[in-house]
Each structure stands twice: as C-alpha cells, then as structure tokens.
PDB file of all heavy atoms in Angstrom:
ATOM      1  N   GLY A   1     227.254 -60.707  30.070  1.00  0.00           N
ATOM      2  CA  GLY A   1     228.555 -60.161  29.693  1.00  0.00           C
ATOM      3  C   GLY A   1     229.404 -59.975  30.928  1.00  0.00           C
ATOM      4  O   GLY A   1     229.617 -60.910  31.696  1.00  0.00           O
ATOM      5  N   SER A   2     229.847 -58.758  31.159  1.00  0.00           N
ATOM      6  CA  SER A   2     230.640 -58.476  32.361  1.00  0.00           C
ATOM      7  C   SER A   2     229.793 -57.852  33.465  1.00  0.00           C
ATOM      8  O   SER A   2     230.305 -57.515  34.530  1.00  0.00           O
ATOM      9  CB  SER A   2     231.792 -57.513  32.003  1.00  0.00           C
ATOM     10  OG  SER A   2     231.275 -56.300  31.472  1.00  0.00           O
ATOM     11  N   PHE A   3     228.477 -57.723  33.208  1.00  0.00           N
ATOM     12  CA  PHE A   3     227.594 -57.071  34.184  1.00  0.00           C
ATOM     13  C   PHE A   3     227.017 -58.096  35.154  1.00  0.00           C
ATOM     14  O   PHE A   3     226.368 -59.065  34.747  1.00  0.00           O
ATOM     15  CB  PHE A   3     226.454 -56.345  33.466  1.00  0.00           C
ATOM     16  CG  PHE A   3     225.527 -55.613  34.403  1.00  0.00           C
ATOM     17  CD1 PHE A   3     225.913 -54.419  34.991  1.00  0.00           C
ATOM     18  CD2 PHE A   3     224.271 -56.132  34.700  1.00  0.00           C
ATOM     19  CE1 PHE A   3     225.059 -53.742  35.851  1.00  0.00           C
ATOM     20  CE2 PHE A   3     223.415 -55.469  35.559  1.00  0.00           C
ATOM     21  CZ  PHE A   3     223.817 -54.273  36.134  1.00  0.00           C
ATOM     22  N   ASP A   4     227.256 -57.885  36.448  1.00  0.00           N
ATOM     23  CA  ASP A   4     226.730 -58.749  37.498  1.00  0.00           C
ATOM     24  C   ASP A   4     225.276 -58.356  37.777  1.00  0.00           C
ATOM     25  O   ASP A   4     224.988 -57.223  38.181  1.00  0.00           O
ATOM     26  CB  ASP A   4     227.572 -58.594  38.770  1.00  0.00           C
ATOM     27  CG  ASP A   4     227.218 -59.621  39.833  1.00  0.00           C
ATOM     28  OD1 ASP A   4     226.125 -60.220  39.737  1.00  0.00           O
ATOM     29  OD2 ASP A   4     228.013 -59.824  40.759  1.00  0.00           O
ATOM     30  N   LEU A   5     224.351 -59.297  37.570  1.00  0.00           N
ATOM     31  CA  LEU A   5     222.928 -58.990  37.715  1.00  0.00           C
ATOM     32  C   LEU A   5     222.529 -58.654  39.155  1.00  0.00           C
ATOM     33  O   LEU A   5     221.479 -58.046  39.372  1.00  0.00           O
ATOM     34  CB  LEU A   5     222.083 -60.159  37.198  1.00  0.00           C
ATOM     35  CG  LEU A   5     222.116 -60.379  35.683  1.00  0.00           C
ATOM     36  CD1 LEU A   5     221.295 -61.607  35.304  1.00  0.00           C
ATOM     37  CD2 LEU A   5     221.599 -59.152  34.944  1.00  0.00           C
ATOM     38  N   LYS A   6     223.351 -59.022  40.126  1.00  0.00           N
ATOM     39  CA  LYS A   6     223.034 -58.667  41.525  1.00  0.00           C
ATOM     40  C   LYS A   6     222.996 -57.146  41.714  1.00  0.00           C
ATOM     41  O   LYS A   6     222.361 -56.650  42.632  1.00  0.00           O
ATOM     42  CB  LYS A   6     224.053 -59.296  42.479  1.00  0.00           C
ATOM     43  CG  LYS A   6     223.945 -60.813  42.594  1.00  0.00           C
ATOM     44  CD  LYS A   6     224.655 -61.333  43.808  1.00  0.00           C
ATOM     45  CE  LYS A   6     226.159 -61.133  43.766  1.00  0.00           C
ATOM     46  NZ  LYS A   6     226.824 -61.969  42.759  1.00  0.00           N
ATOM     47  N   GLN A   7     223.675 -56.416  40.830  1.00  0.00           N
ATOM     48  CA  GLN A   7     223.687 -54.959  40.936  1.00  0.00           C
ATOM     49  C   GLN A   7     222.320 -54.344  40.620  1.00  0.00           C
ATOM     50  O   GLN A   7     222.073 -53.168  40.908  1.00  0.00           O
ATOM     51  CB  GLN A   7     224.737 -54.374  39.979  1.00  0.00           C
ATOM     52  CG  GLN A   7     226.162 -54.761  40.322  1.00  0.00           C
ATOM     53  CD  GLN A   7     227.172 -54.176  39.348  1.00  0.00           C
ATOM     54  OE1 GLN A   7     227.033 -53.052  38.886  1.00  0.00           O
ATOM     55  NE2 GLN A   7     228.206 -54.951  39.015  1.00  0.00           N
ATOM     56  N   LEU A   8     221.412 -55.150  40.048  1.00  0.00           N
ATOM     57  CA  LEU A   8     220.080 -54.650  39.720  1.00  0.00           C
ATOM     58  C   LEU A   8     219.127 -54.671  40.919  1.00  0.00           C
ATOM     59  O   LEU A   8     218.078 -54.017  40.882  1.00  0.00           O
ATOM     60  CB  LEU A   8     219.460 -55.498  38.600  1.00  0.00           C
ATOM     61  CG  LEU A   8     220.069 -55.385  37.209  1.00  0.00           C
ATOM     62  CD1 LEU A   8     219.417 -56.396  36.279  1.00  0.00           C
ATOM     63  CD2 LEU A   8     219.900 -53.973  36.663  1.00  0.00           C
ATOM     64  N   ILE A   9     219.480 -55.419  41.973  1.00  0.00           N
ATOM     65  CA  ILE A   9     218.532 -55.656  43.066  1.00  0.00           C
ATOM     66  C   ILE A   9     218.072 -54.356  43.720  1.00  0.00           C
ATOM     67  O   ILE A   9     216.865 -54.098  43.855  1.00  0.00           O
ATOM     68  CB  ILE A   9     219.141 -56.612  44.107  1.00  0.00           C
ATOM     69  CG1 ILE A   9     219.307 -58.005  43.495  1.00  0.00           C
ATOM     70  CG2 ILE A   9     218.263 -56.682  45.354  1.00  0.00           C
ATOM     71  CD1 ILE A   9     220.013 -58.991  44.391  1.00  0.00           C
ATOM     72  N   VAL A  10     219.021 -53.522  44.135  1.00  0.00           N
ATOM     73  CA  VAL A  10     218.655 -52.283  44.833  1.00  0.00           C
ATOM     74  C   VAL A  10     217.892 -51.311  43.926  1.00  0.00           C
ATOM     75  O   VAL A  10     216.842 -50.783  44.326  1.00  0.00           O
ATOM     76  CB  VAL A  10     219.906 -51.619  45.448  1.00  0.00           C
ATOM     77  CG1 VAL A  10     219.568 -50.218  45.970  1.00  0.00           C
ATOM     78  CG2 VAL A  10     220.445 -52.473  46.595  1.00  0.00           C
ATOM     79  N   PRO A  11     218.361 -51.038  42.688  1.00  0.00           N
ATOM     80  CA  PRO A  11     217.561 -50.149  41.814  1.00  0.00           C
ATOM     81  C   PRO A  11     216.147 -50.670  41.556  1.00  0.00           C
ATOM     82  O   PRO A  11     215.195 -49.883  41.496  1.00  0.00           O
ATOM     83  CB  PRO A  11     218.382 -50.112  40.516  1.00  0.00           C
ATOM     84  CG  PRO A  11     219.770 -50.408  40.933  1.00  0.00           C
ATOM     85  CD  PRO A  11     219.643 -51.379  42.062  1.00  0.00           C
ATOM     86  N   LEU A  12     216.001 -51.986  41.405  1.00  0.00           N
ATOM     87  CA  LEU A  12     214.668 -52.552  41.191  1.00  0.00           C
ATOM     88  C   LEU A  12     213.788 -52.352  42.417  1.00  0.00           C
ATOM     89  O   LEU A  12     212.597 -52.024  42.295  1.00  0.00           O
ATOM     90  CB  LEU A  12     214.777 -54.043  40.858  1.00  0.00           C
ATOM     91  CG  LEU A  12     215.292 -54.389  39.460  1.00  0.00           C
ATOM     92  CD1 LEU A  12     215.535 -55.888  39.339  1.00  0.00           C
ATOM     93  CD2 LEU A  12     214.313 -53.929  38.387  1.00  0.00           C
ATOM     94  N   LEU A  13     214.356 -52.549  43.596  1.00  0.00           N
ATOM     95  CA  LEU A  13     213.593 -52.323  44.825  1.00  0.00           C
ATOM     96  C   LEU A  13     213.186 -50.863  44.957  1.00  0.00           C
ATOM     97  O   LEU A  13     212.065 -50.551  45.385  1.00  0.00           O
ATOM     98  CB  LEU A  13     214.420 -52.744  46.043  1.00  0.00           C
ATOM     99  CG  LEU A  13     214.496 -54.238  46.308  1.00  0.00           C
ATOM    100  CD1 LEU A  13     215.568 -54.532  47.343  1.00  0.00           C
ATOM    101  CD2 LEU A  13     213.149 -54.754  46.798  1.00  0.00           C
ATOM    102  N   GLN A  14     214.074 -49.959  44.592  1.00  0.00           N
ATOM    103  CA  GLN A  14     213.750 -48.540  44.650  1.00  0.00           C
ATOM    104  C   GLN A  14     212.604 -48.203  43.690  1.00  0.00           C
ATOM    105  O   GLN A  14     211.735 -47.385  44.016  1.00  0.00           O
ATOM    106  CB  GLN A  14     214.988 -47.704  44.339  1.00  0.00           C
ATOM    107  CG  GLN A  14     216.032 -47.759  45.450  1.00  0.00           C
ATOM    108  CD  GLN A  14     217.356 -47.128  45.053  1.00  0.00           C
ATOM    109  OE1 GLN A  14     217.766 -47.217  43.900  1.00  0.00           O
ATOM    110  NE2 GLN A  14     218.027 -46.499  46.000  1.00  0.00           N
ATOM    111  N   ALA A  15     212.598 -48.844  42.524  1.00  0.00           N
ATOM    112  CA  ALA A  15     211.500 -48.642  41.576  1.00  0.00           C
ATOM    113  C   ALA A  15     210.185 -49.153  42.158  1.00  0.00           C
ATOM    114  O   ALA A  15     209.131 -48.507  42.014  1.00  0.00           O
ATOM    115  CB  ALA A  15     211.814 -49.355  40.253  1.00  0.00           C
ATOM    116  N   ILE A  16     210.244 -50.309  42.839  1.00  0.00           N
ATOM    117  CA  ILE A  16     209.039 -50.867  43.469  1.00  0.00           C
ATOM    118  C   ILE A  16     208.514 -49.925  44.542  1.00  0.00           C
ATOM    119  O   ILE A  16     207.309 -49.651  44.628  1.00  0.00           O
ATOM    120  CB  ILE A  16     209.341 -52.253  44.076  1.00  0.00           C
ATOM    121  CG1 ILE A  16     209.653 -53.263  42.967  1.00  0.00           C
ATOM    122  CG2 ILE A  16     208.175 -52.737  44.928  1.00  0.00           C
ATOM    123  CD1 ILE A  16     210.220 -54.569  43.481  1.00  0.00           C
ATOM    124  N   MET A  17     209.423 -49.416  45.373  1.00  0.00           N
ATOM    125  CA  MET A  17     209.009 -48.525  46.452  1.00  0.00           C
ATOM    126  C   MET A  17     208.502 -47.189  45.911  1.00  0.00           C
ATOM    127  O   MET A  17     207.582 -46.585  46.480  1.00  0.00           O
ATOM    128  CB  MET A  17     210.172 -48.303  47.431  1.00  0.00           C
ATOM    129  CG  MET A  17     210.560 -49.546  48.196  1.00  0.00           C
ATOM    130  SD  MET A  17     209.159 -50.222  49.128  1.00  0.00           S
ATOM    131  CE  MET A  17     209.613 -51.950  49.221  1.00  0.00           C
ATOM    132  N   PHE A  18     209.070 -46.706  44.825  1.00  0.00           N
ATOM    133  CA  PHE A  18     208.547 -45.502  44.185  1.00  0.00           C
ATOM    134  C   PHE A  18     207.115 -45.749  43.725  1.00  0.00           C
ATOM    135  O   PHE A  18     206.230 -44.899  43.909  1.00  0.00           O
ATOM    136  CB  PHE A  18     209.427 -45.098  43.000  1.00  0.00           C
ATOM    137  CG  PHE A  18     208.874 -43.948  42.204  1.00  0.00           C
ATOM    138  CD1 PHE A  18     209.016 -42.649  42.656  1.00  0.00           C
ATOM    139  CD2 PHE A  18     208.200 -44.173  41.006  1.00  0.00           C
ATOM    140  CE1 PHE A  18     208.498 -41.574  41.933  1.00  0.00           C
ATOM    141  CE2 PHE A  18     207.672 -43.115  40.280  1.00  0.00           C
ATOM    142  CZ  PHE A  18     207.823 -41.809  40.737  1.00  0.00           C
ATOM    143  N   GLY A  19     206.896 -46.919  43.120  1.00  0.00           N
ATOM    144  CA  GLY A  19     205.544 -47.277  42.697  1.00  0.00           C
ATOM    145  C   GLY A  19     204.591 -47.343  43.868  1.00  0.00           C
ATOM    146  O   GLY A  19     203.438 -46.928  43.775  1.00  0.00           O
ATOM    147  N   MET A  20     205.069 -47.868  44.997  1.00  0.00           N
ATOM    148  CA  MET A  20     204.255 -47.910  46.213  1.00  0.00           C
ATOM    149  C   MET A  20     203.895 -46.493  46.643  1.00  0.00           C
ATOM    150  O   MET A  20     202.752 -46.205  47.025  1.00  0.00           O
ATOM    151  CB  MET A  20     205.013 -48.628  47.330  1.00  0.00           C
ATOM    152  CG  MET A  20     204.263 -48.740  48.642  1.00  0.00           C
ATOM    153  SD  MET A  20     205.247 -49.649  49.876  1.00  0.00           S
ATOM    154  CE  MET A  20     204.191 -49.511  51.323  1.00  0.00           C
ATOM    155  N   GLY A  21     204.867 -45.587  46.558  1.00  0.00           N
ATOM    156  CA  GLY A  21     204.625 -44.197  46.927  1.00  0.00           C
ATOM    157  C   GLY A  21     203.609 -43.519  46.036  1.00  0.00           C
ATOM    158  O   GLY A  21     202.776 -42.737  46.502  1.00  0.00           O
ATOM    159  N   THR A  22     203.659 -43.809  44.723  1.00  0.00           N
ATOM    160  CA  THR A  22     202.705 -43.179  43.798  1.00  0.00           C
ATOM    161  C   THR A  22     201.277 -43.654  44.050  1.00  0.00           C
ATOM    162  O   THR A  22     200.324 -42.985  43.657  1.00  0.00           O
ATOM    163  CB  THR A  22     203.071 -43.480  42.329  1.00  0.00           C
ATOM    164  OG1 THR A  22     203.003 -44.897  42.089  1.00  0.00           O
ATOM    165  CG2 THR A  22     204.462 -42.974  41.994  1.00  0.00           C
ATOM    166  N   ALA A  23     201.141 -44.832  44.681  1.00  0.00           N
ATOM    167  CA  ALA A  23     199.803 -45.373  44.965  1.00  0.00           C
ATOM    168  C   ALA A  23     199.319 -44.978  46.350  1.00  0.00           C
ATOM    169  O   ALA A  23     198.234 -45.368  46.765  1.00  0.00           O
ATOM    170  CB  ALA A  23     199.827 -46.900  44.838  1.00  0.00           C
ATOM    171  N   MET A  24     200.135 -44.202  47.084  1.00  0.00           N
ATOM    172  CA  MET A  24     199.792 -43.814  48.450  1.00  0.00           C
ATOM    173  C   MET A  24     199.510 -42.319  48.533  1.00  0.00           C
ATOM    174  O   MET A  24     199.793 -41.567  47.607  1.00  0.00           O
ATOM    175  CB  MET A  24     200.946 -44.159  49.406  1.00  0.00           C
ATOM    176  CG  MET A  24     201.212 -45.641  49.589  1.00  0.00           C
ATOM    177  SD  MET A  24     202.747 -45.950  50.487  1.00  0.00           S
ATOM    178  CE  MET A  24     202.381 -45.185  52.056  1.00  0.00           C
ATOM    179  N   SER A  25     198.949 -41.925  49.643  1.00  0.00           N
ATOM    180  CA  SER A  25     198.767 -40.505  49.950  1.00  0.00           C
ATOM    181  C   SER A  25     198.792 -40.360  51.465  1.00  0.00           C
ATOM    182  O   SER A  25     198.866 -41.351  52.200  1.00  0.00           O
ATOM    183  CB  SER A  25     197.441 -39.986  49.381  1.00  0.00           C
ATOM    184  OG  SER A  25     196.352 -40.535  50.099  1.00  0.00           O
ATOM    185  N   VAL A  26     198.746 -39.131  51.910  1.00  0.00           N
ATOM    186  CA  VAL A  26     198.754 -38.883  53.350  1.00  0.00           C
ATOM    187  C   VAL A  26     197.547 -39.544  54.014  1.00  0.00           C
ATOM    188  O   VAL A  26     197.588 -39.919  55.191  1.00  0.00           O
ATOM    189  CB  VAL A  26     198.756 -37.361  53.618  1.00  0.00           C
ATOM    190  CG1 VAL A  26     198.689 -37.075  55.116  1.00  0.00           C
ATOM    191  CG2 VAL A  26     200.008 -36.725  53.023  1.00  0.00           C
ATOM    192  N   LYS A  27     196.465 -39.735  53.259  1.00  0.00           N
ATOM    193  CA  LYS A  27     195.257 -40.366  53.800  1.00  0.00           C
ATOM    194  C   LYS A  27     195.520 -41.782  54.296  1.00  0.00           C
ATOM    195  O   LYS A  27     194.818 -42.280  55.165  1.00  0.00           O
ATOM    196  CB  LYS A  27     194.166 -40.395  52.732  1.00  0.00           C
ATOM    197  CG  LYS A  27     193.650 -39.016  52.332  1.00  0.00           C
ATOM    198  CD  LYS A  27     192.592 -39.131  51.251  1.00  0.00           C
ATOM    199  CE  LYS A  27     192.092 -37.759  50.824  1.00  0.00           C
ATOM    200  NZ  LYS A  27     191.089 -37.859  49.734  1.00  0.00           N
ATOM    201  N   ASP A  28     196.538 -42.442  53.706  1.00  0.00           N
ATOM    202  CA  ASP A  28     196.839 -43.815  54.119  1.00  0.00           C
ATOM    203  C   ASP A  28     197.345 -43.882  55.555  1.00  0.00           C
ATOM    204  O   ASP A  28     197.358 -44.953  56.157  1.00  0.00           O
ATOM    205  CB  ASP A  28     197.884 -44.428  53.178  1.00  0.00           C
ATOM    206  CG  ASP A  28     197.322 -44.672  51.786  1.00  0.00           C
ATOM    207  OD1 ASP A  28     196.145 -45.058  51.689  1.00  0.00           O
ATOM    208  OD2 ASP A  28     198.041 -44.462  50.805  1.00  0.00           O
ATOM    209  N   PHE A  29     197.800 -42.754  56.075  1.00  0.00           N
ATOM    210  CA  PHE A  29     198.287 -42.712  57.454  1.00  0.00           C
ATOM    211  C   PHE A  29     197.222 -42.202  58.418  1.00  0.00           C
ATOM    212  O   PHE A  29     197.448 -42.137  59.619  1.00  0.00           O
ATOM    213  CB  PHE A  29     199.528 -41.813  57.546  1.00  0.00           C
ATOM    214  CG  PHE A  29     200.691 -42.310  56.734  1.00  0.00           C
ATOM    215  CD1 PHE A  29     200.835 -41.946  55.405  1.00  0.00           C
ATOM    216  CD2 PHE A  29     201.629 -43.161  57.281  1.00  0.00           C
ATOM    217  CE1 PHE A  29     201.896 -42.408  54.644  1.00  0.00           C
ATOM    218  CE2 PHE A  29     202.702 -43.629  56.536  1.00  0.00           C
ATOM    219  CZ  PHE A  29     202.827 -43.252  55.214  1.00  0.00           C
ATOM    220  N   ALA A  30     196.057 -41.836  57.860  1.00  0.00           N
ATOM    221  CA  ALA A  30     194.994 -41.284  58.702  1.00  0.00           C
ATOM    222  C   ALA A  30     194.435 -42.318  59.669  1.00  0.00           C
ATOM    223  O   ALA A  30     193.893 -41.978  60.721  1.00  0.00           O
ATOM    224  CB  ALA A  30     193.859 -40.736  57.834  1.00  0.00           C
ATOM    225  N   GLY A  31     194.585 -43.611  59.320  1.00  0.00           N
ATOM    226  CA  GLY A  31     194.079 -44.679  60.176  1.00  0.00           C
ATOM    227  C   GLY A  31     194.728 -44.695  61.544  1.00  0.00           C
ATOM    228  O   GLY A  31     194.156 -45.221  62.506  1.00  0.00           O
ATOM    229  N   VAL A  32     195.933 -44.127  61.647  1.00  0.00           N
ATOM    230  CA  VAL A  32     196.610 -44.072  62.948  1.00  0.00           C
ATOM    231  C   VAL A  32     195.792 -43.233  63.912  1.00  0.00           C
ATOM    232  O   VAL A  32     195.688 -43.539  65.106  1.00  0.00           O
ATOM    233  CB  VAL A  32     198.026 -43.475  62.788  1.00  0.00           C
ATOM    234  CG1 VAL A  32     198.721 -43.391  64.133  1.00  0.00           C
ATOM    235  CG2 VAL A  32     198.845 -44.310  61.816  1.00  0.00           C
ATOM    236  N   VAL A  33     195.194 -42.154  63.389  1.00  0.00           N
ATOM    237  CA  VAL A  33     194.387 -41.269  64.221  1.00  0.00           C
ATOM    238  C   VAL A  33     192.997 -41.859  64.440  1.00  0.00           C
ATOM    239  O   VAL A  33     192.448 -41.790  65.546  1.00  0.00           O
ATOM    240  CB  VAL A  33     194.273 -39.878  63.563  1.00  0.00           C
ATOM    241  CG1 VAL A  33     193.373 -38.963  64.391  1.00  0.00           C
ATOM    242  CG2 VAL A  33     195.648 -39.263  63.369  1.00  0.00           C
ATOM    243  N   LYS A  34     192.438 -42.478  63.402  1.00  0.00           N
ATOM    244  CA  LYS A  34     191.071 -42.992  63.486  1.00  0.00           C
ATOM    245  C   LYS A  34     190.974 -44.247  64.342  1.00  0.00           C
ATOM    246  O   LYS A  34     190.014 -44.430  65.091  1.00  0.00           O
ATOM    247  CB  LYS A  34     190.546 -43.287  62.080  1.00  0.00           C
ATOM    248  CG  LYS A  34     190.364 -42.049  61.220  1.00  0.00           C
ATOM    249  CD  LYS A  34     189.864 -42.423  59.832  1.00  0.00           C
ATOM    250  CE  LYS A  34     189.661 -41.204  58.953  1.00  0.00           C
ATOM    251  NZ  LYS A  34     189.218 -41.562  57.584  1.00  0.00           N
ATOM    252  N   THR A  35     191.941 -45.145  64.195  1.00  0.00           N
ATOM    253  CA  THR A  35     191.900 -46.407  64.952  1.00  0.00           C
ATOM    254  C   THR A  35     193.257 -46.685  65.598  1.00  0.00           C
ATOM    255  O   THR A  35     193.947 -47.643  65.244  1.00  0.00           O
ATOM    256  CB  THR A  35     191.528 -47.581  64.020  1.00  0.00           C
ATOM    257  OG1 THR A  35     192.464 -47.618  62.917  1.00  0.00           O
ATOM    258  CG2 THR A  35     190.126 -47.440  63.474  1.00  0.00           C
ATOM    259  N   PRO A  36     193.677 -45.845  66.541  1.00  0.00           N
ATOM    260  CA  PRO A  36     195.015 -45.996  67.135  1.00  0.00           C
ATOM    261  C   PRO A  36     195.209 -47.332  67.845  1.00  0.00           C
ATOM    262  O   PRO A  36     196.299 -47.896  67.803  1.00  0.00           O
ATOM    263  CB  PRO A  36     195.105 -44.821  68.114  1.00  0.00           C
ATOM    264  CG  PRO A  36     193.677 -44.459  68.405  1.00  0.00           C
ATOM    265  CD  PRO A  36     192.934 -44.729  67.142  1.00  0.00           C
ATOM    266  N   GLN A  37     194.151 -47.844  68.480  1.00  0.00           N
ATOM    267  CA  GLN A  37     194.294 -49.107  69.205  1.00  0.00           C
ATOM    268  C   GLN A  37     194.563 -50.262  68.243  1.00  0.00           C
ATOM    269  O   GLN A  37     195.454 -51.081  68.490  1.00  0.00           O
ATOM    270  CB  GLN A  37     193.032 -49.387  70.021  1.00  0.00           C
ATOM    271  CG  GLN A  37     193.147 -50.660  70.866  1.00  0.00           C
ATOM    272  CD  GLN A  37     191.896 -50.922  71.696  1.00  0.00           C
ATOM    273  OE1 GLN A  37     190.908 -50.208  71.576  1.00  0.00           O
ATOM    274  NE2 GLN A  37     191.940 -51.934  72.535  1.00  0.00           N
ATOM    275  N   ALA A  38     193.801 -50.318  67.140  1.00  0.00           N
ATOM    276  CA  ALA A  38     193.983 -51.394  66.166  1.00  0.00           C
ATOM    277  C   ALA A  38     195.371 -51.319  65.532  1.00  0.00           C
ATOM    278  O   ALA A  38     196.045 -52.343  65.352  1.00  0.00           O
ATOM    279  CB  ALA A  38     192.906 -51.305  65.087  1.00  0.00           C
ATOM    280  N   VAL A  39     195.808 -50.108  65.197  1.00  0.00           N
ATOM    281  CA  VAL A  39     197.139 -49.938  64.601  1.00  0.00           C
ATOM    282  C   VAL A  39     198.217 -50.332  65.608  1.00  0.00           C
ATOM    283  O   VAL A  39     199.197 -51.003  65.264  1.00  0.00           O
ATOM    284  CB  VAL A  39     197.340 -48.485  64.132  1.00  0.00           C
ATOM    285  CG1 VAL A  39     198.779 -48.262  63.657  1.00  0.00           C
ATOM    286  CG2 VAL A  39     196.369 -48.161  62.998  1.00  0.00           C
ATOM    287  N   GLY A  40     198.040 -49.935  66.850  1.00  0.00           N
ATOM    288  CA  GLY A  40     199.009 -50.286  67.887  1.00  0.00           C
ATOM    289  C   GLY A  40     199.123 -51.790  68.088  1.00  0.00           C
ATOM    290  O   GLY A  40     200.228 -52.333  68.193  1.00  0.00           O
ATOM    291  N   ILE A  41     197.977 -52.469  68.118  1.00  0.00           N
ATOM    292  CA  ILE A  41     197.977 -53.932  68.263  1.00  0.00           C
ATOM    293  C   ILE A  41     198.662 -54.583  67.074  1.00  0.00           C
ATOM    294  O   ILE A  41     199.482 -55.489  67.224  1.00  0.00           O
ATOM    295  CB  ILE A  41     196.538 -54.459  68.423  1.00  0.00           C
ATOM    296  CG1 ILE A  41     195.957 -54.020  69.764  1.00  0.00           C
ATOM    297  CG2 ILE A  41     196.502 -55.987  68.304  1.00  0.00           C
ATOM    298  CD1 ILE A  41     194.476 -54.315  69.918  1.00  0.00           C
ATOM    299  N   GLY A  42     198.332 -54.107  65.872  1.00  0.00           N
ATOM    300  CA  GLY A  42     198.930 -54.673  64.667  1.00  0.00           C
ATOM    301  C   GLY A  42     200.435 -54.505  64.643  1.00  0.00           C
ATOM    302  O   GLY A  42     201.182 -55.444  64.318  1.00  0.00           O
ATOM    303  N   LEU A  43     200.914 -53.311  64.988  1.00  0.00           N
ATOM    304  CA  LEU A  43     202.360 -53.062  65.002  1.00  0.00           C
ATOM    305  C   LEU A  43     203.060 -53.905  66.060  1.00  0.00           C
ATOM    306  O   LEU A  43     204.148 -54.443  65.821  1.00  0.00           O
ATOM    307  CB  LEU A  43     202.637 -51.580  65.248  1.00  0.00           C
ATOM    308  CG  LEU A  43     202.397 -50.635  64.079  1.00  0.00           C
ATOM    309  CD1 LEU A  43     202.584 -49.184  64.519  1.00  0.00           C
ATOM    310  CD2 LEU A  43     203.362 -50.958  62.924  1.00  0.00           C
ATOM    311  N   LEU A  44     202.442 -54.004  67.241  1.00  0.00           N
ATOM    312  CA  LEU A  44     203.036 -54.814  68.305  1.00  0.00           C
ATOM    313  C   LEU A  44     203.167 -56.268  67.857  1.00  0.00           C
ATOM    314  O   LEU A  44     204.209 -56.907  68.100  1.00  0.00           O
ATOM    315  CB  LEU A  44     202.187 -54.719  69.565  1.00  0.00           C
ATOM    316  CG  LEU A  44     202.716 -55.466  70.790  1.00  0.00           C
ATOM    317  CD1 LEU A  44     204.059 -54.894  71.214  1.00  0.00           C
ATOM    318  CD2 LEU A  44     201.712 -55.377  71.947  1.00  0.00           C
TER     319      LEU A  44
END
C-alpha cells in the first residue's frame, strides 16, 4: 500500500537483539575474566 517496507528494518533488528538478550546472562561475559588472553586475541 503506502507503507514502505524499509521502515521495518530497524524494529526487526531490535526484536532480534532483544531475543539475543533474553538468551544471554551476565555469565556470558565471565569469559573475559576466565580467559582474558583468548578474548583479547579474538577481539584484536
């Protein structure tokens, strides 16, 4: 109709990222403390 489908891109991405958040916890960041060298190499 008169609705441009490109306007859906950002809301859809936000829904995806919300879903990512619901599948995560603070424990997912614990690896930074446990294996800092491996995380540092990966990020670099």
